[in-house]
Amino acid sequence: MIKNGFTLIELIIVMLIMGVLLTVAMPRFRKFGPTSREQFVSNLNALTQEAARAAQFLSKVQKVLFDFTSHKIELWDIDGKKLKKFTRIPDEVEVKDFFINQKSQFGQGLKKYTAYFLIDSHGITQDVKIFFVDHSQNVRGPSLGSNEVILNPITAKFNSV
């Protein structure tokens, strides 16, 4: 007599092996979430693109303000009205230098507490370049933590270099 299918013992053994593999493999998959750098750039892009849309919709210059002491990036309009849009700079991310129109906002290596760039009423941004260190990546190697992002003035989107 020819039997098709598996016996109950074979199915239990396969399920047991799969359970052991999943128990070992699942903690490793959790480590593959976004890094602090990726999260920072993603949040920064979302806020910058929101500012570009607001500038076009309101026909008013918008300001993206970096507050390095409180680790916040806020959206302001040119009249000094703080909008309710903001994002946080992760604690692991340290901004080393901030260039606007190819001029360092930190001057002669001095640490500034705030810096900002503008987005005009057409949604066009200033030329912005940010150098930062992701200390969570820095532990795996000094060169891994150093990052540079450049803002595309037309799309209002930061890209890693």
N, C-alpha and C. Protein backbone atom coordinates (compact mmCIF):
# COMPACT_ATOMS: atom_id res chain seq x y z
N MET A 1 0.83 -1.16 0.00
CA MET A 1 0.00 0.00 0.00
C MET A 1 0.89 1.24 0.00
N ILE A 2 0.62 2.17 -0.94
CA ILE A 2 1.41 3.40 -1.04
C ILE A 2 0.68 4.51 -0.28
N LYS A 3 1.44 5.16 0.61
CA LYS A 3 0.86 6.25 1.40
C LYS A 3 1.37 7.59 0.88
N ASN A 4 0.48 8.52 0.73
CA ASN A 4 0.87 9.88 0.38
C ASN A 4 0.77 10.75 1.62
N GLY A 5 1.76 11.64 1.81
CA GLY A 5 1.72 12.54 2.95
C GLY A 5 2.76 12.17 3.99
N PHE A 6 2.71 12.90 5.10
CA PHE A 6 3.70 12.72 6.16
C PHE A 6 3.02 12.15 7.40
N THR A 7 3.81 11.45 8.20
CA THR A 7 3.27 10.94 9.46
C THR A 7 3.27 12.06 10.49
N LEU A 8 2.54 11.86 11.54
CA LEU A 8 2.45 12.86 12.60
C LEU A 8 3.82 13.12 13.22
N ILE A 9 4.60 12.10 13.41
CA ILE A 9 5.95 12.25 13.99
C ILE A 9 6.83 13.11 13.10
N GLU A 10 6.79 12.89 11.78
CA GLU A 10 7.59 13.71 10.85
C GLU A 10 7.18 15.18 10.91
N LEU A 11 5.90 15.46 10.97
CA LEU A 11 5.42 16.85 11.06
C LEU A 11 5.86 17.51 12.37
N ILE A 12 5.80 16.77 13.47
CA ILE A 12 6.22 17.32 14.77
C ILE A 12 7.72 17.62 14.76
N ILE A 13 8.52 16.75 14.18
CA ILE A 13 9.97 16.97 14.11
C ILE A 13 10.28 18.22 13.27
N VAL A 14 9.62 18.38 12.12
CA VAL A 14 9.83 19.55 11.27
C VAL A 14 9.42 20.82 12.01
N MET A 15 8.30 20.80 12.72
CA MET A 15 7.85 21.98 13.47
C MET A 15 8.81 22.30 14.61
N LEU A 16 9.36 21.29 15.25
CA LEU A 16 10.33 21.49 16.32
C LEU A 16 11.60 22.15 15.78
N ILE A 17 12.10 21.66 14.64
CA ILE A 17 13.30 22.24 14.01
C ILE A 17 13.02 23.70 13.62
N MET A 18 11.86 23.97 13.03
CA MET A 18 11.52 25.34 12.66
C MET A 18 11.43 26.25 13.88
N GLY A 19 10.89 25.75 14.96
CA GLY A 19 10.79 26.53 16.20
C GLY A 19 12.16 26.90 16.74
N VAL A 20 13.09 25.95 16.73
CA VAL A 20 14.45 26.21 17.21
C VAL A 20 15.13 27.23 16.30
N LEU A 21 14.99 27.08 14.99
CA LEU A 21 15.60 28.04 14.06
C LEU A 21 15.04 29.45 14.24
N LEU A 22 13.73 29.56 14.41
CA LEU A 22 13.13 30.88 14.61
C LEU A 22 13.56 31.50 15.93
N THR A 23 13.70 30.69 16.96
CA THR A 23 14.13 31.19 18.26
C THR A 23 15.54 31.76 18.17
N VAL A 24 16.40 31.13 17.40
CA VAL A 24 17.78 31.60 17.25
C VAL A 24 17.85 32.78 16.29
N ALA A 25 17.08 32.77 15.20
CA ALA A 25 17.21 33.77 14.14
C ALA A 25 16.47 35.07 14.45
N MET A 26 15.36 35.05 15.13
CA MET A 26 14.55 36.26 15.33
C MET A 26 15.29 37.40 16.02
N PRO A 27 16.04 37.17 17.09
CA PRO A 27 16.76 38.30 17.69
C PRO A 27 17.74 38.98 16.73
N ARG A 28 18.29 38.23 15.81
CA ARG A 28 19.22 38.83 14.84
C ARG A 28 18.49 39.72 13.85
N PHE A 29 17.27 39.38 13.49
CA PHE A 29 16.52 40.19 12.54
C PHE A 29 16.09 41.52 13.14
N ARG A 30 15.89 41.58 14.44
CA ARG A 30 15.49 42.83 15.10
C ARG A 30 16.58 43.88 15.02
N LYS A 31 17.84 43.50 14.87
CA LYS A 31 18.95 44.43 14.81
C LYS A 31 19.03 45.14 13.46
N PHE A 32 18.22 44.75 12.48
CA PHE A 32 18.32 45.32 11.16
C PHE A 32 17.39 46.50 10.94
N GLY A 33 16.93 47.14 12.01
CA GLY A 33 16.09 48.33 11.88
C GLY A 33 16.91 49.51 11.40
N PRO A 34 16.27 50.66 11.20
CA PRO A 34 17.01 51.82 10.72
C PRO A 34 18.03 52.30 11.75
N THR A 35 19.19 52.72 11.27
CA THR A 35 20.21 53.26 12.15
C THR A 35 19.82 54.67 12.55
N SER A 36 20.52 55.23 13.52
CA SER A 36 20.25 56.61 13.94
C SER A 36 20.45 57.56 12.76
N ARG A 37 21.46 57.31 11.95
CA ARG A 37 21.73 58.15 10.78
C ARG A 37 20.57 58.11 9.81
N GLU A 38 20.10 56.90 9.50
CA GLU A 38 18.98 56.76 8.56
C GLU A 38 17.72 57.43 9.09
N GLN A 39 17.46 57.26 10.38
CA GLN A 39 16.28 57.87 10.98
C GLN A 39 16.39 59.38 10.97
N PHE A 40 17.58 59.91 11.28
CA PHE A 40 17.81 61.35 11.28
C PHE A 40 17.59 61.94 9.89
N VAL A 41 18.18 61.33 8.86
CA VAL A 41 18.03 61.84 7.50
C VAL A 41 16.58 61.73 7.03
N SER A 42 15.92 60.64 7.36
CA SER A 42 14.53 60.46 6.97
C SER A 42 13.63 61.52 7.61
N ASN A 43 13.79 61.75 8.91
CA ASN A 43 13.00 62.77 9.60
C ASN A 43 13.31 64.17 9.09
N LEU A 44 14.59 64.42 8.82
CA LEU A 44 15.00 65.71 8.29
C LEU A 44 14.38 65.96 6.92
N ASN A 45 14.37 64.94 6.07
CA ASN A 45 13.75 65.06 4.75
C ASN A 45 12.25 65.33 4.85
N ALA A 46 11.59 64.64 5.74
CA ALA A 46 10.14 64.83 5.90
C ALA A 46 9.84 66.28 6.32
N LEU A 47 10.61 66.80 7.27
CA LEU A 47 10.38 68.17 7.74
C LEU A 47 10.73 69.19 6.66
N THR A 48 11.82 68.97 5.94
CA THR A 48 12.24 69.91 4.89
C THR A 48 11.22 69.94 3.76
N GLN A 49 10.71 68.79 3.38
CA GLN A 49 9.72 68.76 2.31
C GLN A 49 8.39 69.36 2.77
N GLU A 50 8.05 69.19 4.03
CA GLU A 50 6.87 69.86 4.59
C GLU A 50 7.05 71.37 4.55
N ALA A 51 8.24 71.85 4.87
CA ALA A 51 8.52 73.29 4.81
C ALA A 51 8.42 73.81 3.38
N ALA A 52 8.91 73.05 2.41
CA ALA A 52 8.83 73.46 1.00
C ALA A 52 7.37 73.55 0.55
N ARG A 53 6.56 72.58 0.97
CA ARG A 53 5.13 72.63 0.62
C ARG A 53 4.44 73.82 1.27
N ALA A 54 4.77 74.08 2.54
CA ALA A 54 4.17 75.22 3.25
C ALA A 54 4.60 76.53 2.60
N ALA A 55 5.85 76.64 2.18
CA ALA A 55 6.33 77.85 1.53
C ALA A 55 5.56 78.12 0.24
N GLN A 56 5.34 77.08 -0.53
CA GLN A 56 4.60 77.25 -1.78
C GLN A 56 3.12 77.54 -1.53
N PHE A 57 2.52 76.84 -0.60
CA PHE A 57 1.10 77.01 -0.33
C PHE A 57 0.81 78.40 0.25
N LEU A 58 1.65 78.84 1.19
CA LEU A 58 1.43 80.13 1.85
C LEU A 58 2.08 81.30 1.12
N SER A 59 2.90 80.98 0.09
CA SER A 59 3.70 82.00 -0.62
C SER A 59 4.51 82.83 0.37
N LYS A 60 5.13 82.13 1.30
CA LYS A 60 5.88 82.78 2.36
C LYS A 60 7.16 81.98 2.64
N VAL A 61 8.26 82.68 2.84
CA VAL A 61 9.53 82.04 3.14
C VAL A 61 9.41 81.27 4.46
N GLN A 62 9.97 80.06 4.47
CA GLN A 62 9.97 79.22 5.67
C GLN A 62 11.41 79.05 6.16
N LYS A 63 11.54 78.85 7.45
CA LYS A 63 12.85 78.67 8.07
C LYS A 63 12.89 77.31 8.76
N VAL A 64 13.93 76.54 8.49
CA VAL A 64 14.15 75.27 9.19
C VAL A 64 15.25 75.52 10.20
N LEU A 65 14.89 75.52 11.47
CA LEU A 65 15.78 75.91 12.56
C LEU A 65 16.29 74.67 13.30
N PHE A 66 17.61 74.56 13.40
CA PHE A 66 18.25 73.49 14.16
C PHE A 66 18.61 74.04 15.53
N ASP A 67 18.07 73.46 16.58
CA ASP A 67 18.41 73.83 17.95
C ASP A 67 19.24 72.67 18.51
N PHE A 68 20.55 72.88 18.57
CA PHE A 68 21.45 71.80 18.94
C PHE A 68 21.43 71.51 20.44
N THR A 69 21.03 72.46 21.26
CA THR A 69 20.99 72.21 22.70
C THR A 69 19.80 71.33 23.09
N SER A 70 18.66 71.55 22.44
CA SER A 70 17.48 70.74 22.77
C SER A 70 17.29 69.57 21.80
N HIS A 71 18.22 69.41 20.85
CA HIS A 71 18.17 68.31 19.87
C HIS A 71 16.87 68.33 19.07
N LYS A 72 16.45 69.53 18.63
CA LYS A 72 15.22 69.66 17.86
C LYS A 72 15.48 70.39 16.55
N ILE A 73 14.70 70.05 15.55
CA ILE A 73 14.67 70.78 14.29
C ILE A 73 13.24 71.26 14.13
N GLU A 74 13.05 72.57 14.04
CA GLU A 74 11.71 73.14 14.04
C GLU A 74 11.45 73.89 12.74
N LEU A 75 10.19 74.01 12.42
CA LEU A 75 9.75 74.74 11.24
C LEU A 75 9.13 76.07 11.69
N TRP A 76 9.66 77.19 11.14
CA TRP A 76 9.19 78.53 11.44
C TRP A 76 8.86 79.23 10.13
N ASP A 77 7.92 80.18 10.18
CA ASP A 77 7.76 81.01 8.99
C ASP A 77 8.62 82.26 9.17
N ILE A 78 8.77 83.04 8.12
CA ILE A 78 9.70 84.17 8.12
C ILE A 78 9.28 85.26 9.10
N ASP A 79 8.01 85.30 9.47
CA ASP A 79 7.52 86.31 10.42
C ASP A 79 7.84 85.94 11.86
N GLY A 80 8.51 84.84 12.07
CA GLY A 80 8.87 84.42 13.42
C GLY A 80 7.80 83.59 14.10
N LYS A 81 6.83 83.13 13.34
CA LYS A 81 5.78 82.28 13.90
C LYS A 81 6.24 80.83 13.85
N LYS A 82 6.30 80.23 15.02
CA LYS A 82 6.70 78.83 15.12
C LYS A 82 5.54 77.94 14.72
N LEU A 83 5.76 77.11 13.72
CA LEU A 83 4.74 76.16 13.32
C LEU A 83 4.86 74.92 14.20
N LYS A 84 3.85 74.12 14.25
CA LYS A 84 3.84 72.97 15.16
C LYS A 84 4.56 71.76 14.60
N LYS A 85 5.32 71.95 13.55
CA LYS A 85 6.06 70.85 12.95
C LYS A 85 7.49 70.85 13.48
N PHE A 86 7.94 69.73 13.97
CA PHE A 86 9.33 69.59 14.40
C PHE A 86 9.72 68.12 14.39
N THR A 87 11.01 67.89 14.47
CA THR A 87 11.53 66.53 14.62
C THR A 87 12.70 66.60 15.59
N ARG A 88 13.07 65.47 16.09
CA ARG A 88 14.18 65.41 17.05
C ARG A 88 15.45 64.95 16.37
N ILE A 89 16.56 65.45 16.84
CA ILE A 89 17.87 64.95 16.44
C ILE A 89 18.20 63.83 17.42
N PRO A 90 18.43 62.61 16.94
CA PRO A 90 18.72 61.52 17.88
C PRO A 90 19.94 61.85 18.76
N ASP A 91 19.91 61.37 19.99
CA ASP A 91 21.01 61.64 20.92
C ASP A 91 22.34 61.12 20.41
N GLU A 92 22.31 60.07 19.59
CA GLU A 92 23.54 59.48 19.07
C GLU A 92 24.15 60.33 17.95
N VAL A 93 23.39 61.28 17.41
CA VAL A 93 23.84 62.10 16.28
C VAL A 93 24.37 63.42 16.80
N GLU A 94 25.61 63.74 16.41
CA GLU A 94 26.24 65.01 16.79
C GLU A 94 26.61 65.77 15.51
N VAL A 95 26.03 66.96 15.34
CA VAL A 95 26.34 67.78 14.17
C VAL A 95 27.70 68.43 14.39
N LYS A 96 28.63 68.15 13.48
CA LYS A 96 29.99 68.67 13.58
C LYS A 96 30.16 70.00 12.85
N ASP A 97 29.49 70.16 11.70
CA ASP A 97 29.55 71.42 10.96
C ASP A 97 28.31 71.54 10.10
N PHE A 98 27.98 72.77 9.81
CA PHE A 98 26.73 73.10 9.12
C PHE A 98 27.06 74.21 8.13
N PHE A 99 27.00 73.91 6.85
CA PHE A 99 27.34 74.88 5.82
C PHE A 99 26.07 75.38 5.12
N ILE A 100 25.98 76.69 4.95
CA ILE A 100 24.92 77.30 4.16
C ILE A 100 25.60 78.17 3.11
N ASN A 101 25.24 77.91 1.85
CA ASN A 101 25.88 78.60 0.72
C ASN A 101 27.40 78.54 0.83
N GLN A 102 27.91 77.37 1.18
CA GLN A 102 29.33 77.05 1.27
C GLN A 102 30.06 77.83 2.36
N LYS A 103 29.33 78.34 3.34
CA LYS A 103 29.94 79.04 4.46
C LYS A 103 29.58 78.32 5.76
N SER A 104 30.62 77.98 6.53
CA SER A 104 30.40 77.27 7.78
C SER A 104 29.66 78.15 8.77
N GLN A 105 28.64 77.59 9.39
CA GLN A 105 27.89 78.31 10.42
C GLN A 105 28.55 78.18 11.78
N PHE A 106 29.54 77.29 11.87
CA PHE A 106 30.24 77.10 13.13
C PHE A 106 31.51 77.93 13.19
N GLY A 107 31.81 78.67 12.13
CA GLY A 107 32.95 79.59 12.13
C GLY A 107 34.27 78.88 12.32
N GLN A 108 35.06 79.40 13.20
CA GLN A 108 36.41 78.91 13.46
C GLN A 108 36.40 77.73 14.43
N GLY A 109 35.54 76.77 14.18
CA GLY A 109 35.46 75.60 15.05
C GLY A 109 34.64 75.84 16.30
N LEU A 110 34.02 77.03 16.40
CA LEU A 110 33.19 77.32 17.56
C LEU A 110 31.88 76.55 17.45
N LYS A 111 31.40 76.09 18.56
CA LYS A 111 30.14 75.35 18.58
C LYS A 111 28.99 76.35 18.69
N LYS A 112 28.08 76.31 17.73
CA LYS A 112 26.89 77.15 17.78
C LYS A 112 25.74 76.37 18.40
N TYR A 113 24.81 77.10 18.93
CA TYR A 113 23.68 76.46 19.57
C TYR A 113 22.48 76.35 18.63
N THR A 114 22.44 77.21 17.60
CA THR A 114 21.38 77.13 16.61
C THR A 114 21.95 77.44 15.23
N ALA A 115 21.27 76.97 14.23
CA ALA A 115 21.57 77.29 12.84
C ALA A 115 20.28 77.07 12.06
N TYR A 116 20.13 77.75 10.94
CA TYR A 116 18.92 77.58 10.15
C TYR A 116 19.20 77.83 8.68
N PHE A 117 18.31 77.32 7.84
CA PHE A 117 18.33 77.64 6.43
C PHE A 117 16.92 78.00 6.00
N LEU A 118 16.85 78.70 4.86
CA LEU A 118 15.58 79.23 4.39
C LEU A 118 15.09 78.50 3.15
N ILE A 119 13.78 78.50 2.99
CA ILE A 119 13.13 77.95 1.80
C ILE A 119 12.23 79.06 1.26
N ASP A 120 12.47 79.47 0.01
CA ASP A 120 11.70 80.60 -0.53
C ASP A 120 10.28 80.18 -0.90
N SER A 121 9.49 81.16 -1.34
CA SER A 121 8.07 80.93 -1.59
C SER A 121 7.81 80.00 -2.79
N HIS A 122 8.85 79.69 -3.55
CA HIS A 122 8.72 78.74 -4.65
C HIS A 122 9.13 77.32 -4.23
N GLY A 123 9.55 77.17 -2.99
CA GLY A 123 9.98 75.86 -2.49
C GLY A 123 11.45 75.56 -2.75
N ILE A 124 12.21 76.57 -3.17
CA ILE A 124 13.65 76.40 -3.44
C ILE A 124 14.42 76.69 -2.16
N THR A 125 15.37 75.82 -1.82
CA THR A 125 16.11 75.95 -0.57
C THR A 125 17.48 76.59 -0.81
N GLN A 126 18.09 76.99 0.27
CA GLN A 126 19.49 77.42 0.21
C GLN A 126 20.37 76.19 0.01
N ASP A 127 21.62 76.43 -0.36
CA ASP A 127 22.61 75.37 -0.51
C ASP A 127 23.06 74.96 0.90
N VAL A 128 22.73 73.73 1.31
CA VAL A 128 23.00 73.29 2.68
C VAL A 128 23.79 71.98 2.65
N LYS A 129 24.81 71.92 3.51
CA LYS A 129 25.61 70.70 3.69
C LYS A 129 25.82 70.52 5.19
N ILE A 130 25.54 69.32 5.67
CA ILE A 130 25.66 69.03 7.10
C ILE A 130 26.64 67.88 7.30
N PHE A 131 27.62 68.08 8.16
CA PHE A 131 28.54 67.02 8.58
C PHE A 131 28.14 66.61 9.99
N PHE A 132 27.95 65.30 10.19
CA PHE A 132 27.58 64.83 11.51
C PHE A 132 28.19 63.46 11.78
N VAL A 133 28.20 63.11 13.04
CA VAL A 133 28.73 61.82 13.49
C VAL A 133 27.59 61.05 14.15
N ASP A 134 27.43 59.81 13.74
CA ASP A 134 26.47 58.91 14.38
C ASP A 134 27.28 58.05 15.35
N HIS A 135 27.21 58.38 16.63
CA HIS A 135 28.02 57.68 17.63
C HIS A 135 27.62 56.22 17.79
N SER A 136 26.39 55.85 17.42
CA SER A 136 26.00 54.44 17.50
C SER A 136 26.74 53.62 16.44
N GLN A 137 27.10 54.22 15.31
CA GLN A 137 27.88 53.54 14.28
C GLN A 137 29.37 53.67 14.53
N ASN A 138 29.76 54.70 15.26
CA ASN A 138 31.16 54.99 15.51
C ASN A 138 31.84 53.89 16.32
N VAL A 139 31.07 53.13 17.11
CA VAL A 139 31.66 52.07 17.93
C VAL A 139 32.14 50.91 17.06
N ARG A 140 31.55 50.76 15.86
CA ARG A 140 31.97 49.68 14.96
C ARG A 140 33.19 50.06 14.13
N GLY A 141 33.57 51.33 14.16
CA GLY A 141 34.72 51.80 13.41
C GLY A 141 34.61 53.31 13.25
N PRO A 142 35.70 54.06 13.47
CA PRO A 142 35.64 55.52 13.43
C PRO A 142 35.12 56.08 12.12
N SER A 143 35.44 55.43 11.01
CA SER A 143 35.00 55.98 9.71
C SER A 143 33.52 55.71 9.45
N LEU A 144 32.93 54.72 10.13
CA LEU A 144 31.53 54.40 9.90
C LEU A 144 30.59 55.45 10.48
N GLY A 145 31.01 56.16 11.51
CA GLY A 145 30.15 57.13 12.16
C GLY A 145 30.11 58.47 11.47
N SER A 146 31.09 58.80 10.62
CA SER A 146 31.14 60.10 9.95
C SER A 146 30.20 60.11 8.76
N ASN A 147 29.41 61.18 8.66
CA ASN A 147 28.41 61.29 7.61
C ASN A 147 28.36 62.71 7.07
N GLU A 148 27.92 62.80 5.83
CA GLU A 148 27.73 64.10 5.18
C GLU A 148 26.45 64.01 4.35
N VAL A 149 25.58 64.99 4.51
CA VAL A 149 24.37 65.07 3.70
C VAL A 149 24.31 66.43 3.03
N ILE A 150 23.82 66.43 1.79
CA ILE A 150 23.70 67.66 1.01
C ILE A 150 22.25 67.82 0.61
N LEU A 151 21.74 69.04 0.75
CA LEU A 151 20.35 69.33 0.41
C LEU A 151 20.23 69.71 -1.06
N ASN A 152 19.37 68.99 -1.78
CA ASN A 152 19.08 69.35 -3.16
C ASN A 152 18.11 70.51 -3.11
N PRO A 153 18.51 71.71 -3.64
CA PRO A 153 17.66 72.88 -3.53
C PRO A 153 16.32 72.78 -4.24
N ILE A 154 16.24 71.98 -5.27
CA ILE A 154 15.01 71.87 -6.06
C ILE A 154 14.00 70.91 -5.41
N THR A 155 14.49 69.73 -5.00
CA THR A 155 13.59 68.73 -4.42
C THR A 155 13.40 68.87 -2.92
N ALA A 156 14.21 69.72 -2.28
CA ALA A 156 14.19 69.90 -0.81
C ALA A 156 14.41 68.58 -0.10
N LYS A 157 15.35 67.79 -0.62
CA LYS A 157 15.63 66.47 -0.05
C LYS A 157 17.14 66.33 0.19
N PHE A 158 17.49 65.85 1.40
CA PHE A 158 18.88 65.60 1.73
C PHE A 158 19.31 64.25 1.17
N ASN A 159 20.50 64.20 0.63
CA ASN A 159 21.08 62.96 0.11
C ASN A 159 22.43 62.73 0.78
N SER A 160 22.71 61.50 1.14
CA SER A 160 24.00 61.14 1.73
C SER A 160 25.08 61.16 0.67
N VAL A 161 26.26 61.60 1.07
CA VAL A 161 27.40 61.61 0.15
C VAL A 161 28.33 60.48 0.51
